[in-house]
Amino acid sequence: MPLLGNCCFFIDLKVGTKIIGSLKLIAAIINTIVLIGILLMLIVMGIGVDAAKETHRISATTSSSFDDDYENINEDLSQSDFELIQQNIGLVKAVLYVLLAMYTVLIITASMLIHGVRTNRRNLLLPYIVQEVISLLIFIGIAIAPLIAIGTFRIIVYFSLCVLGGIFIHIYFLLVVISQYQALGLIRMHEEMSMK
C-alpha cells in the first residue's frame, strides 16, 4: 500500500513524480552551473589573495621601518586578515565541491527517476531515493553545523530555519516518490498474478 494516495492532494502519483523529477532536474542543472561559476570565482579570488599577500609581504620588508606602534599593529592585523581569508576560502571551496558533486549526481538520478516513471521501471526510482536520503542528511548537517560552530546569532538561526523548511519539502517529495515506487510494485504484483 503506498504511503500517499496523491501528490499535493489532487495530482496523480505518476504525474506528481514526473513533475518532481523534472523540477529536481532543472534545479540540479541550474545549481551545477551556478556552483561552477562560484568555484571559478573563488579560485580566482584565492589566486588574488595569494598575490596580495605576497605583495604585502614584499612591501612590508622593503619599506623603511618606523617606530610607530600603530603601524606595527596595523601590519599584524592585515597579515592575519589575509590568513583568515585564505582559511575560509578553503573551507567554502570544500563545501562547494561537496554540493557540486551532490548536484551532479542529482542530475543523473533525476533523469533516471523521470525515465523510470515514464516506462514503469520500478528499479530506476531507487537511485533517486537513496540520493535524496543522503542529500537530506547533508542538508540537516548544513542546518545544524552553523548553530554549533558559530552560535545562535539571528542570521544563523534564520538560515537554519530556512534550510529546515526546505528539508520538510524534500521529505514530502521523497514520500511521493516512495509512494510511486510502492504503487509500481503493486502494479507489477497484480500483473504477475493475472498472468498465472
N, C-alpha and C. Protein backbone atom coordinates (compact mmCIF):
# COMPACT_ATOMS: atom_id res chain seq x y z
N MET A 1 0.85 -1.19 0.00
CA MET A 1 0.00 0.00 0.00
C MET A 1 0.89 1.24 0.00
N PRO A 2 0.70 2.16 -0.96
CA PRO A 2 1.50 3.39 -1.00
C PRO A 2 1.25 4.27 0.22
N LEU A 3 2.30 5.00 0.63
CA LEU A 3 2.18 5.91 1.77
C LEU A 3 1.21 7.04 1.47
N LEU A 4 1.27 7.58 0.26
CA LEU A 4 0.40 8.68 -0.14
C LEU A 4 -0.44 8.24 -1.34
N GLY A 5 -1.68 8.69 -1.38
CA GLY A 5 -2.56 8.36 -2.50
C GLY A 5 -2.38 9.30 -3.67
N ASN A 6 -2.05 10.55 -3.38
CA ASN A 6 -1.88 11.58 -4.41
C ASN A 6 -0.67 12.44 -4.07
N CYS A 7 -0.29 13.26 -5.03
CA CYS A 7 0.74 14.26 -4.80
C CYS A 7 0.05 15.61 -4.68
N CYS A 8 0.30 16.33 -3.62
CA CYS A 8 -0.29 17.66 -3.39
C CYS A 8 -1.83 17.58 -3.35
N PHE A 9 -2.38 16.52 -2.85
CA PHE A 9 -3.80 16.31 -2.59
C PHE A 9 -4.67 16.06 -3.83
N PHE A 10 -4.23 16.44 -5.02
CA PHE A 10 -5.11 16.28 -6.18
C PHE A 10 -4.40 15.82 -7.45
N ILE A 11 -3.10 15.68 -7.43
CA ILE A 11 -2.36 15.24 -8.62
C ILE A 11 -2.05 13.75 -8.47
N ASP A 12 -2.20 13.02 -9.56
CA ASP A 12 -1.90 11.60 -9.58
C ASP A 12 -0.42 11.38 -9.21
N LEU A 13 -0.13 10.27 -8.53
CA LEU A 13 1.24 9.99 -8.09
C LEU A 13 2.22 9.96 -9.26
N LYS A 14 1.82 9.33 -10.36
CA LYS A 14 2.72 9.22 -11.50
C LYS A 14 3.04 10.59 -12.08
N VAL A 15 2.03 11.41 -12.24
CA VAL A 15 2.23 12.77 -12.78
C VAL A 15 3.03 13.60 -11.77
N GLY A 16 2.70 13.48 -10.50
CA GLY A 16 3.42 14.23 -9.47
C GLY A 16 4.89 13.85 -9.40
N THR A 17 5.17 12.56 -9.56
CA THR A 17 6.57 12.10 -9.54
C THR A 17 7.32 12.62 -10.76
N LYS A 18 6.65 12.65 -11.92
CA LYS A 18 7.29 13.23 -13.11
C LYS A 18 7.58 14.72 -12.91
N ILE A 19 6.63 15.42 -12.29
CA ILE A 19 6.83 16.85 -12.02
C ILE A 19 7.99 17.05 -11.05
N ILE A 20 8.03 16.25 -9.99
CA ILE A 20 9.12 16.35 -9.02
C ILE A 20 10.46 16.05 -9.70
N GLY A 21 10.50 15.01 -10.51
CA GLY A 21 11.74 14.68 -11.22
C GLY A 21 12.18 15.79 -12.15
N SER A 22 11.22 16.40 -12.85
CA SER A 22 11.56 17.50 -13.77
C SER A 22 12.06 18.72 -13.00
N LEU A 23 11.37 19.06 -11.91
CA LEU A 23 11.81 20.20 -11.10
C LEU A 23 13.20 19.96 -10.52
N LYS A 24 13.43 18.76 -10.02
CA LYS A 24 14.75 18.43 -9.46
C LYS A 24 15.83 18.48 -10.53
N LEU A 25 15.51 17.99 -11.72
CA LEU A 25 16.49 18.00 -12.82
C LEU A 25 16.85 19.43 -13.22
N ILE A 26 15.84 20.28 -13.37
CA ILE A 26 16.08 21.68 -13.74
C ILE A 26 16.88 22.38 -12.65
N ALA A 27 16.49 22.18 -11.40
CA ALA A 27 17.21 22.81 -10.28
C ALA A 27 18.64 22.31 -10.19
N ALA A 28 18.86 21.02 -10.43
CA ALA A 28 20.21 20.47 -10.35
C ALA A 28 21.10 21.04 -11.45
N ILE A 29 20.55 21.20 -12.65
CA ILE A 29 21.34 21.77 -13.75
C ILE A 29 21.69 23.23 -13.44
N ILE A 30 20.72 24.00 -12.99
CA ILE A 30 20.98 25.41 -12.65
C ILE A 30 21.97 25.52 -11.51
N ASN A 31 21.79 24.73 -10.45
CA ASN A 31 22.71 24.78 -9.31
C ASN A 31 24.12 24.35 -9.69
N THR A 32 24.24 23.37 -10.58
CA THR A 32 25.56 22.94 -11.03
C THR A 32 26.27 24.06 -11.76
N ILE A 33 25.56 24.74 -12.65
CA ILE A 33 26.16 25.84 -13.40
C ILE A 33 26.56 26.97 -12.45
N VAL A 34 25.69 27.31 -11.50
CA VAL A 34 25.99 28.38 -10.54
C VAL A 34 27.19 28.00 -9.67
N LEU A 35 27.23 26.76 -9.19
CA LEU A 35 28.34 26.34 -8.34
C LEU A 35 29.66 26.33 -9.08
N ILE A 36 29.65 25.94 -10.35
CA ILE A 36 30.87 26.00 -11.15
C ILE A 36 31.35 27.45 -11.27
N GLY A 37 30.41 28.38 -11.50
CA GLY A 37 30.77 29.80 -11.58
C GLY A 37 31.35 30.31 -10.26
N ILE A 38 30.71 29.95 -9.16
CA ILE A 38 31.20 30.40 -7.85
C ILE A 38 32.58 29.81 -7.55
N LEU A 39 32.77 28.53 -7.87
CA LEU A 39 34.07 27.91 -7.63
C LEU A 39 35.16 28.58 -8.47
N LEU A 40 34.84 28.89 -9.72
CA LEU A 40 35.82 29.60 -10.55
C LEU A 40 36.16 30.96 -9.96
N MET A 41 35.15 31.67 -9.46
CA MET A 41 35.41 32.97 -8.84
C MET A 41 36.27 32.80 -7.58
N LEU A 42 36.00 31.79 -6.79
CA LEU A 42 36.79 31.58 -5.57
C LEU A 42 38.22 31.19 -5.89
N ILE A 43 38.41 30.42 -6.96
CA ILE A 43 39.77 30.07 -7.36
C ILE A 43 40.53 31.33 -7.77
N VAL A 44 39.86 32.19 -8.56
CA VAL A 44 40.49 33.44 -8.97
C VAL A 44 40.75 34.32 -7.75
N MET A 45 39.78 34.38 -6.82
CA MET A 45 39.97 35.17 -5.60
C MET A 45 41.12 34.62 -4.76
N GLY A 46 41.24 33.30 -4.70
CA GLY A 46 42.34 32.69 -3.95
C GLY A 46 43.68 33.05 -4.54
N ILE A 47 43.75 33.06 -5.87
CA ILE A 47 44.99 33.48 -6.53
C ILE A 47 45.26 34.94 -6.24
N GLY A 48 44.19 35.75 -6.25
CA GLY A 48 44.34 37.18 -5.94
C GLY A 48 44.79 37.41 -4.51
N VAL A 49 44.25 36.63 -3.58
CA VAL A 49 44.65 36.77 -2.18
C VAL A 49 46.11 36.38 -2.01
N ASP A 50 46.53 35.29 -2.69
CA ASP A 50 47.93 34.90 -2.62
C ASP A 50 48.84 35.99 -3.16
N ALA A 51 48.43 36.59 -4.29
CA ALA A 51 49.24 37.67 -4.88
C ALA A 51 49.26 38.89 -3.97
N ALA A 52 48.11 39.23 -3.38
CA ALA A 52 48.06 40.39 -2.48
C ALA A 52 48.89 40.13 -1.23
N LYS A 53 48.86 38.91 -0.74
CA LYS A 53 49.65 38.58 0.45
C LYS A 53 51.14 38.68 0.14
N GLU A 54 51.53 38.18 -1.03
CA GLU A 54 52.93 38.26 -1.43
C GLU A 54 53.37 39.71 -1.62
N THR A 55 52.51 40.50 -2.25
CA THR A 55 52.81 41.93 -2.44
C THR A 55 52.93 42.63 -1.10
N HIS A 56 52.02 42.30 -0.19
CA HIS A 56 52.05 42.91 1.15
C HIS A 56 53.33 42.50 1.89
N ARG A 57 53.73 41.24 1.74
CA ARG A 57 54.95 40.76 2.41
C ARG A 57 56.17 41.46 1.84
N ILE A 58 56.22 41.60 0.52
CA ILE A 58 57.36 42.26 -0.11
C ILE A 58 57.41 43.73 0.27
N SER A 59 56.26 44.40 0.25
CA SER A 59 56.25 45.83 0.59
C SER A 59 56.57 46.05 2.06
N ALA A 60 56.20 45.09 2.91
CA ALA A 60 56.49 45.23 4.35
C ALA A 60 57.99 45.07 4.62
N THR A 61 58.66 44.22 3.84
CA THR A 61 60.09 44.03 4.08
C THR A 61 60.94 45.12 3.45
N THR A 62 60.46 45.71 2.36
CA THR A 62 61.27 46.74 1.69
C THR A 62 61.01 48.14 2.20
N SER A 63 59.90 48.37 2.86
CA SER A 63 59.62 49.72 3.36
C SER A 63 60.48 50.02 4.57
N SER A 64 60.72 51.27 4.77
CA SER A 64 61.52 51.66 5.93
C SER A 64 60.71 51.44 7.18
N SER A 65 61.37 50.99 8.23
CA SER A 65 60.65 50.71 9.47
C SER A 65 60.53 51.96 10.30
N PHE A 66 59.32 52.14 10.81
CA PHE A 66 59.04 53.25 11.71
C PHE A 66 58.90 52.70 13.11
N ASP A 67 59.11 53.55 14.07
CA ASP A 67 58.96 53.13 15.44
C ASP A 67 57.54 53.33 15.94
N ASP A 68 56.65 53.63 15.06
CA ASP A 68 55.27 53.91 15.45
C ASP A 68 54.57 52.60 15.77
N ASP A 69 54.04 52.48 16.97
CA ASP A 69 53.36 51.26 17.39
C ASP A 69 52.09 51.00 16.58
N TYR A 70 51.41 52.06 16.19
CA TYR A 70 50.17 51.91 15.44
C TYR A 70 50.43 51.20 14.11
N GLU A 71 51.51 51.52 13.44
CA GLU A 71 51.81 50.89 12.15
C GLU A 71 52.09 49.41 12.33
N ASN A 72 52.78 49.04 13.39
CA ASN A 72 53.06 47.62 13.64
C ASN A 72 51.78 46.85 13.91
N ILE A 73 50.86 47.43 14.68
CA ILE A 73 49.58 46.78 14.95
C ILE A 73 48.79 46.62 13.66
N ASN A 74 48.76 47.67 12.83
CA ASN A 74 48.04 47.64 11.56
C ASN A 74 48.63 46.57 10.65
N GLU A 75 49.95 46.43 10.64
CA GLU A 75 50.59 45.43 9.81
C GLU A 75 50.23 44.02 10.28
N ASP A 76 50.22 43.80 11.60
CA ASP A 76 49.86 42.50 12.14
C ASP A 76 48.41 42.15 11.80
N LEU A 77 47.51 43.13 11.91
CA LEU A 77 46.11 42.87 11.60
C LEU A 77 45.91 42.53 10.14
N SER A 78 46.57 43.26 9.25
CA SER A 78 46.37 42.97 7.83
C SER A 78 46.94 41.61 7.48
N GLN A 79 48.03 41.19 8.11
CA GLN A 79 48.59 39.87 7.86
C GLN A 79 47.62 38.79 8.33
N SER A 80 47.01 38.97 9.51
CA SER A 80 46.06 37.98 9.99
C SER A 80 44.77 37.98 9.16
N ASP A 81 44.38 39.13 8.60
CA ASP A 81 43.22 39.19 7.72
C ASP A 81 43.44 38.33 6.49
N PHE A 82 44.63 38.40 5.90
CA PHE A 82 44.94 37.58 4.73
C PHE A 82 44.86 36.10 5.08
N GLU A 83 45.37 35.72 6.23
CA GLU A 83 45.33 34.32 6.63
C GLU A 83 43.90 33.86 6.88
N LEU A 84 43.08 34.73 7.50
CA LEU A 84 41.68 34.39 7.75
C LEU A 84 40.93 34.19 6.44
N ILE A 85 41.16 35.07 5.48
CA ILE A 85 40.50 34.95 4.17
C ILE A 85 40.91 33.65 3.50
N GLN A 86 42.21 33.33 3.54
CA GLN A 86 42.67 32.10 2.90
C GLN A 86 42.06 30.86 3.56
N GLN A 87 41.98 30.84 4.87
CA GLN A 87 41.40 29.68 5.56
C GLN A 87 39.93 29.51 5.20
N ASN A 88 39.18 30.59 5.17
CA ASN A 88 37.75 30.50 4.86
C ASN A 88 37.49 30.15 3.41
N ILE A 89 38.33 30.62 2.50
CA ILE A 89 38.14 30.26 1.09
C ILE A 89 38.32 28.76 0.92
N GLY A 90 39.27 28.17 1.61
CA GLY A 90 39.46 26.72 1.52
C GLY A 90 38.26 25.96 2.05
N LEU A 91 37.70 26.41 3.17
CA LEU A 91 36.53 25.75 3.74
C LEU A 91 35.31 25.89 2.83
N VAL A 92 35.11 27.09 2.31
CA VAL A 92 33.97 27.33 1.41
C VAL A 92 34.13 26.50 0.15
N LYS A 93 35.34 26.42 -0.38
CA LYS A 93 35.57 25.61 -1.57
C LYS A 93 35.25 24.14 -1.31
N ALA A 94 35.63 23.64 -0.15
CA ALA A 94 35.35 22.23 0.18
C ALA A 94 33.85 21.97 0.22
N VAL A 95 33.10 22.87 0.86
CA VAL A 95 31.64 22.72 0.92
C VAL A 95 31.05 22.80 -0.49
N LEU A 96 31.54 23.72 -1.30
CA LEU A 96 31.02 23.87 -2.66
C LEU A 96 31.34 22.66 -3.52
N TYR A 97 32.50 22.05 -3.33
CA TYR A 97 32.81 20.83 -4.08
C TYR A 97 31.86 19.70 -3.70
N VAL A 98 31.53 19.58 -2.41
CA VAL A 98 30.58 18.55 -1.98
C VAL A 98 29.21 18.81 -2.61
N LEU A 99 28.76 20.07 -2.58
CA LEU A 99 27.47 20.40 -3.18
C LEU A 99 27.48 20.17 -4.70
N LEU A 100 28.60 20.50 -5.35
CA LEU A 100 28.70 20.28 -6.79
C LEU A 100 28.59 18.79 -7.11
N ALA A 101 29.26 17.96 -6.34
CA ALA A 101 29.17 16.51 -6.55
C ALA A 101 27.74 16.02 -6.32
N MET A 102 27.10 16.57 -5.27
CA MET A 102 25.74 16.16 -4.95
C MET A 102 24.77 16.54 -6.08
N TYR A 103 24.92 17.75 -6.63
CA TYR A 103 24.02 18.17 -7.71
C TYR A 103 24.32 17.45 -9.01
N THR A 104 25.56 17.08 -9.24
CA THR A 104 25.89 16.31 -10.44
C THR A 104 25.25 14.93 -10.37
N VAL A 105 25.31 14.31 -9.21
CA VAL A 105 24.65 13.01 -9.02
C VAL A 105 23.13 13.17 -9.15
N LEU A 106 22.60 14.29 -8.66
CA LEU A 106 21.16 14.53 -8.75
C LEU A 106 20.70 14.64 -10.20
N ILE A 107 21.52 15.20 -11.08
CA ILE A 107 21.17 15.26 -12.50
C ILE A 107 20.95 13.84 -13.03
N ILE A 108 21.84 12.94 -12.66
CA ILE A 108 21.74 11.55 -13.14
C ILE A 108 20.52 10.85 -12.53
N THR A 109 20.37 10.98 -11.20
CA THR A 109 19.27 10.25 -10.55
C THR A 109 17.90 10.82 -10.90
N ALA A 110 17.80 12.15 -11.10
CA ALA A 110 16.52 12.73 -11.50
C ALA A 110 16.15 12.28 -12.91
N SER A 111 17.15 12.16 -13.78
CA SER A 111 16.88 11.64 -15.13
C SER A 111 16.41 10.19 -15.07
N MET A 112 17.03 9.40 -14.19
CA MET A 112 16.60 8.02 -14.02
C MET A 112 15.18 7.95 -13.45
N LEU A 113 14.87 8.86 -12.52
CA LEU A 113 13.52 8.90 -11.94
C LEU A 113 12.48 9.17 -13.01
N ILE A 114 12.72 10.18 -13.83
CA ILE A 114 11.76 10.52 -14.89
C ILE A 114 11.58 9.34 -15.85
N HIS A 115 12.69 8.74 -16.26
CA HIS A 115 12.61 7.62 -17.20
C HIS A 115 11.94 6.41 -16.54
N GLY A 116 12.24 6.16 -15.28
CA GLY A 116 11.62 5.03 -14.59
C GLY A 116 10.12 5.17 -14.44
N VAL A 117 9.66 6.39 -14.16
CA VAL A 117 8.21 6.61 -14.02
C VAL A 117 7.54 6.51 -15.39
N ARG A 118 8.20 7.06 -16.39
CA ARG A 118 7.62 7.04 -17.74
C ARG A 118 7.45 5.62 -18.26
N THR A 119 8.44 4.77 -17.98
CA THR A 119 8.42 3.41 -18.52
C THR A 119 7.96 2.37 -17.50
N ASN A 120 7.50 2.81 -16.32
CA ASN A 120 7.05 1.92 -15.25
C ASN A 120 8.13 0.93 -14.82
N ARG A 121 9.38 1.39 -14.79
CA ARG A 121 10.50 0.57 -14.33
C ARG A 121 10.85 0.98 -12.91
N ARG A 122 10.40 0.19 -12.01
CA ARG A 122 10.46 0.49 -10.57
C ARG A 122 11.89 0.64 -10.07
N ASN A 123 12.82 -0.16 -10.58
CA ASN A 123 14.20 -0.14 -10.08
C ASN A 123 14.92 1.17 -10.40
N LEU A 124 14.46 1.92 -11.38
CA LEU A 124 15.10 3.19 -11.70
C LEU A 124 14.75 4.29 -10.70
N LEU A 125 13.79 4.05 -9.83
CA LEU A 125 13.44 5.03 -8.80
C LEU A 125 14.35 4.91 -7.57
N LEU A 126 14.96 3.73 -7.38
CA LEU A 126 15.79 3.50 -6.19
C LEU A 126 17.02 4.42 -6.09
N PRO A 127 17.77 4.66 -7.18
CA PRO A 127 18.93 5.56 -7.04
C PRO A 127 18.53 6.97 -6.58
N TYR A 128 17.38 7.45 -7.07
CA TYR A 128 16.92 8.77 -6.64
C TYR A 128 16.58 8.76 -5.15
N ILE A 129 15.91 7.71 -4.69
CA ILE A 129 15.52 7.63 -3.28
C ILE A 129 16.76 7.61 -2.39
N VAL A 130 17.76 6.80 -2.76
CA VAL A 130 19.00 6.73 -1.97
C VAL A 130 19.71 8.08 -1.98
N GLN A 131 19.79 8.70 -3.15
CA GLN A 131 20.47 10.00 -3.26
C GLN A 131 19.75 11.06 -2.44
N GLU A 132 18.43 11.04 -2.43
CA GLU A 132 17.67 12.03 -1.65
C GLU A 132 17.87 11.84 -0.16
N VAL A 133 17.95 10.60 0.30
CA VAL A 133 18.19 10.36 1.73
C VAL A 133 19.57 10.90 2.12
N ILE A 134 20.58 10.66 1.28
CA ILE A 134 21.92 11.19 1.56
C ILE A 134 21.90 12.71 1.53
N SER A 135 21.20 13.30 0.57
CA SER A 135 21.10 14.76 0.48
C SER A 135 20.42 15.34 1.71
N LEU A 136 19.38 14.67 2.18
CA LEU A 136 18.70 15.14 3.40
C LEU A 136 19.64 15.15 4.60
N LEU A 137 20.45 14.11 4.73
CA LEU A 137 21.40 14.06 5.82
C LEU A 137 22.44 15.18 5.72
N ILE A 138 22.89 15.46 4.49
CA ILE A 138 23.84 16.56 4.28
C ILE A 138 23.20 17.88 4.63
N PHE A 139 21.96 18.11 4.19
CA PHE A 139 21.29 19.38 4.47
C PHE A 139 20.97 19.54 5.96
N ILE A 140 20.67 18.45 6.65
CA ILE A 140 20.47 18.54 8.10
C ILE A 140 21.78 18.96 8.76
N GLY A 141 22.89 18.41 8.29
CA GLY A 141 24.20 18.82 8.81
C GLY A 141 24.48 20.28 8.52
N ILE A 142 24.10 20.74 7.32
CA ILE A 142 24.30 22.15 6.96
C ILE A 142 23.43 23.05 7.84
N ALA A 143 22.27 22.58 8.24
CA ALA A 143 21.39 23.39 9.09
C ALA A 143 21.88 23.45 10.53
N ILE A 144 22.46 22.35 11.02
CA ILE A 144 22.86 22.28 12.43
C ILE A 144 24.28 22.80 12.65
N ALA A 145 25.18 22.56 11.71
CA ALA A 145 26.59 22.91 11.89
C ALA A 145 26.82 24.39 12.21
N PRO A 146 26.17 25.35 11.52
CA PRO A 146 26.41 26.76 11.88
C PRO A 146 25.95 27.10 13.29
N LEU A 147 24.89 26.47 13.75
CA LEU A 147 24.42 26.72 15.11
C LEU A 147 25.45 26.25 16.14
N ILE A 148 26.09 25.13 15.86
CA ILE A 148 27.09 24.60 16.79
C ILE A 148 28.39 25.40 16.67
N ALA A 149 28.83 25.69 15.44
CA ALA A 149 30.13 26.33 15.24
C ALA A 149 30.11 27.82 15.58
N ILE A 150 29.06 28.52 15.18
CA ILE A 150 29.05 29.98 15.31
C ILE A 150 28.21 30.45 16.49
N GLY A 151 27.15 29.77 16.76
CA GLY A 151 26.28 30.18 17.85
C GLY A 151 24.90 30.54 17.32
N THR A 152 24.11 31.14 18.18
CA THR A 152 22.72 31.42 17.82
C THR A 152 22.53 32.90 17.46
N PHE A 153 23.31 33.39 16.54
CA PHE A 153 23.06 34.73 16.02
C PHE A 153 21.78 34.70 15.19
N ARG A 154 21.13 35.83 15.12
CA ARG A 154 19.83 35.90 14.45
C ARG A 154 19.91 35.42 12.99
N ILE A 155 20.94 35.84 12.27
CA ILE A 155 21.08 35.46 10.86
C ILE A 155 21.28 33.95 10.73
N ILE A 156 22.07 33.37 11.61
CA ILE A 156 22.33 31.94 11.57
C ILE A 156 21.05 31.16 11.88
N VAL A 157 20.26 31.64 12.83
CA VAL A 157 19.01 30.96 13.17
C VAL A 157 18.04 31.03 11.99
N TYR A 158 17.94 32.20 11.34
CA TYR A 158 17.06 32.31 10.17
C TYR A 158 17.52 31.40 9.05
N PHE A 159 18.84 31.35 8.82
CA PHE A 159 19.38 30.46 7.79
C PHE A 159 19.02 29.01 8.10
N SER A 160 19.21 28.59 9.35
CA SER A 160 18.91 27.21 9.73
C SER A 160 17.43 26.90 9.60
N LEU A 161 16.57 27.86 9.95
CA LEU A 161 15.13 27.65 9.81
C LEU A 161 14.73 27.52 8.34
N CYS A 162 15.35 28.32 7.47
CA CYS A 162 15.07 28.21 6.03
C CYS A 162 15.50 26.85 5.49
N VAL A 163 16.69 26.40 5.92
CA VAL A 163 17.16 25.09 5.47
C VAL A 163 16.23 23.99 5.99
N LEU A 164 15.79 24.10 7.24
CA LEU A 164 14.87 23.10 7.78
C LEU A 164 13.52 23.11 7.05
N GLY A 165 13.05 24.30 6.65
CA GLY A 165 11.83 24.37 5.84
C GLY A 165 12.01 23.66 4.51
N GLY A 166 13.16 23.85 3.89
CA GLY A 166 13.47 23.15 2.64
C GLY A 166 13.56 21.65 2.85
N ILE A 167 14.06 21.25 4.00
CA ILE A 167 14.17 19.82 4.31
C ILE A 167 12.78 19.18 4.37
N PHE A 168 11.81 19.88 4.95
CA PHE A 168 10.45 19.32 5.02
C PHE A 168 9.85 19.15 3.61
N ILE A 169 10.14 20.07 2.71
CA ILE A 169 9.67 19.94 1.32
C ILE A 169 10.34 18.73 0.67
N HIS A 170 11.66 18.57 0.90
CA HIS A 170 12.37 17.41 0.35
C HIS A 170 11.79 16.11 0.89
N ILE A 171 11.45 16.09 2.17
CA ILE A 171 10.87 14.88 2.76
C ILE A 171 9.53 14.55 2.11
N TYR A 172 8.70 15.57 1.87
CA TYR A 172 7.42 15.32 1.23
C TYR A 172 7.62 14.78 -0.19
N PHE A 173 8.54 15.40 -0.95
CA PHE A 173 8.81 14.90 -2.30
C PHE A 173 9.33 13.47 -2.26
N LEU A 174 10.17 13.17 -1.27
CA LEU A 174 10.68 11.81 -1.13
C LEU A 174 9.56 10.83 -0.83
N LEU A 175 8.62 11.23 0.01
CA LEU A 175 7.47 10.37 0.31
C LEU A 175 6.61 10.12 -0.93
N VAL A 176 6.47 11.13 -1.79
CA VAL A 176 5.72 10.96 -3.04
C VAL A 176 6.42 9.93 -3.93
N VAL A 177 7.74 10.04 -4.06
CA VAL A 177 8.48 9.10 -4.91
C VAL A 177 8.44 7.70 -4.31
N ILE A 178 8.56 7.57 -3.00
CA ILE A 178 8.46 6.25 -2.37
C ILE A 178 7.07 5.67 -2.59
N SER A 179 6.04 6.50 -2.52
CA SER A 179 4.67 6.03 -2.78
C SER A 179 4.53 5.54 -4.22
N GLN A 180 5.14 6.25 -5.16
CA GLN A 180 5.10 5.81 -6.57
C GLN A 180 5.86 4.50 -6.71
N TYR A 181 6.97 4.37 -6.02
CA TYR A 181 7.74 3.12 -6.04
C TYR A 181 6.88 1.96 -5.54
N GLN A 182 6.16 2.19 -4.44
CA GLN A 182 5.28 1.15 -3.90
C GLN A 182 4.13 0.85 -4.85
N ALA A 183 3.58 1.90 -5.49
CA ALA A 183 2.48 1.70 -6.43
C ALA A 183 2.94 0.87 -7.63
N LEU A 184 4.15 1.13 -8.11
CA LEU A 184 4.66 0.34 -9.23
C LEU A 184 4.88 -1.11 -8.81
N GLY A 185 5.25 -1.32 -7.55
CA GLY A 185 5.38 -2.69 -7.05
C GLY A 185 4.04 -3.40 -7.01
N LEU A 186 3.00 -2.67 -6.61
CA LEU A 186 1.65 -3.27 -6.60
C LEU A 186 1.17 -3.58 -8.01
N ILE A 187 1.48 -2.68 -8.94
CA ILE A 187 1.09 -2.92 -10.34
C ILE A 187 1.80 -4.15 -10.88
N ARG A 188 3.10 -4.27 -10.60
CA ARG A 188 3.86 -5.43 -11.07
C ARG A 188 3.32 -6.72 -10.43
N MET A 189 3.01 -6.67 -9.14
CA MET A 189 2.48 -7.85 -8.45
C MET A 189 1.13 -8.25 -9.05
N HIS A 190 0.28 -7.25 -9.36
CA HIS A 190 -1.02 -7.54 -9.96
C HIS A 190 -0.86 -8.15 -11.35
N GLU A 191 0.09 -7.65 -12.12
CA GLU A 191 0.32 -8.18 -13.46
C GLU A 191 0.82 -9.63 -13.39
N GLU A 192 1.70 -9.91 -12.42
CA GLU A 192 2.21 -11.28 -12.27
C GLU A 192 1.10 -12.24 -11.84
N MET A 193 0.20 -11.74 -10.97
CA MET A 193 -0.91 -12.59 -10.51
C MET A 193 -1.90 -12.86 -11.66
N SER A 194 -2.12 -11.86 -12.50
CA SER A 194 -3.08 -12.07 -13.59
C SER A 194 -2.51 -12.94 -14.69
N MET A 195 -1.18 -13.07 -14.79
CA MET A 195 -0.58 -13.92 -15.80
C MET A 195 -0.62 -15.39 -15.41
N LYS A 196 -0.80 -15.67 -14.13
CA LYS A 196 -0.81 -17.08 -13.68
C LYS A 196 -2.13 -17.75 -13.97
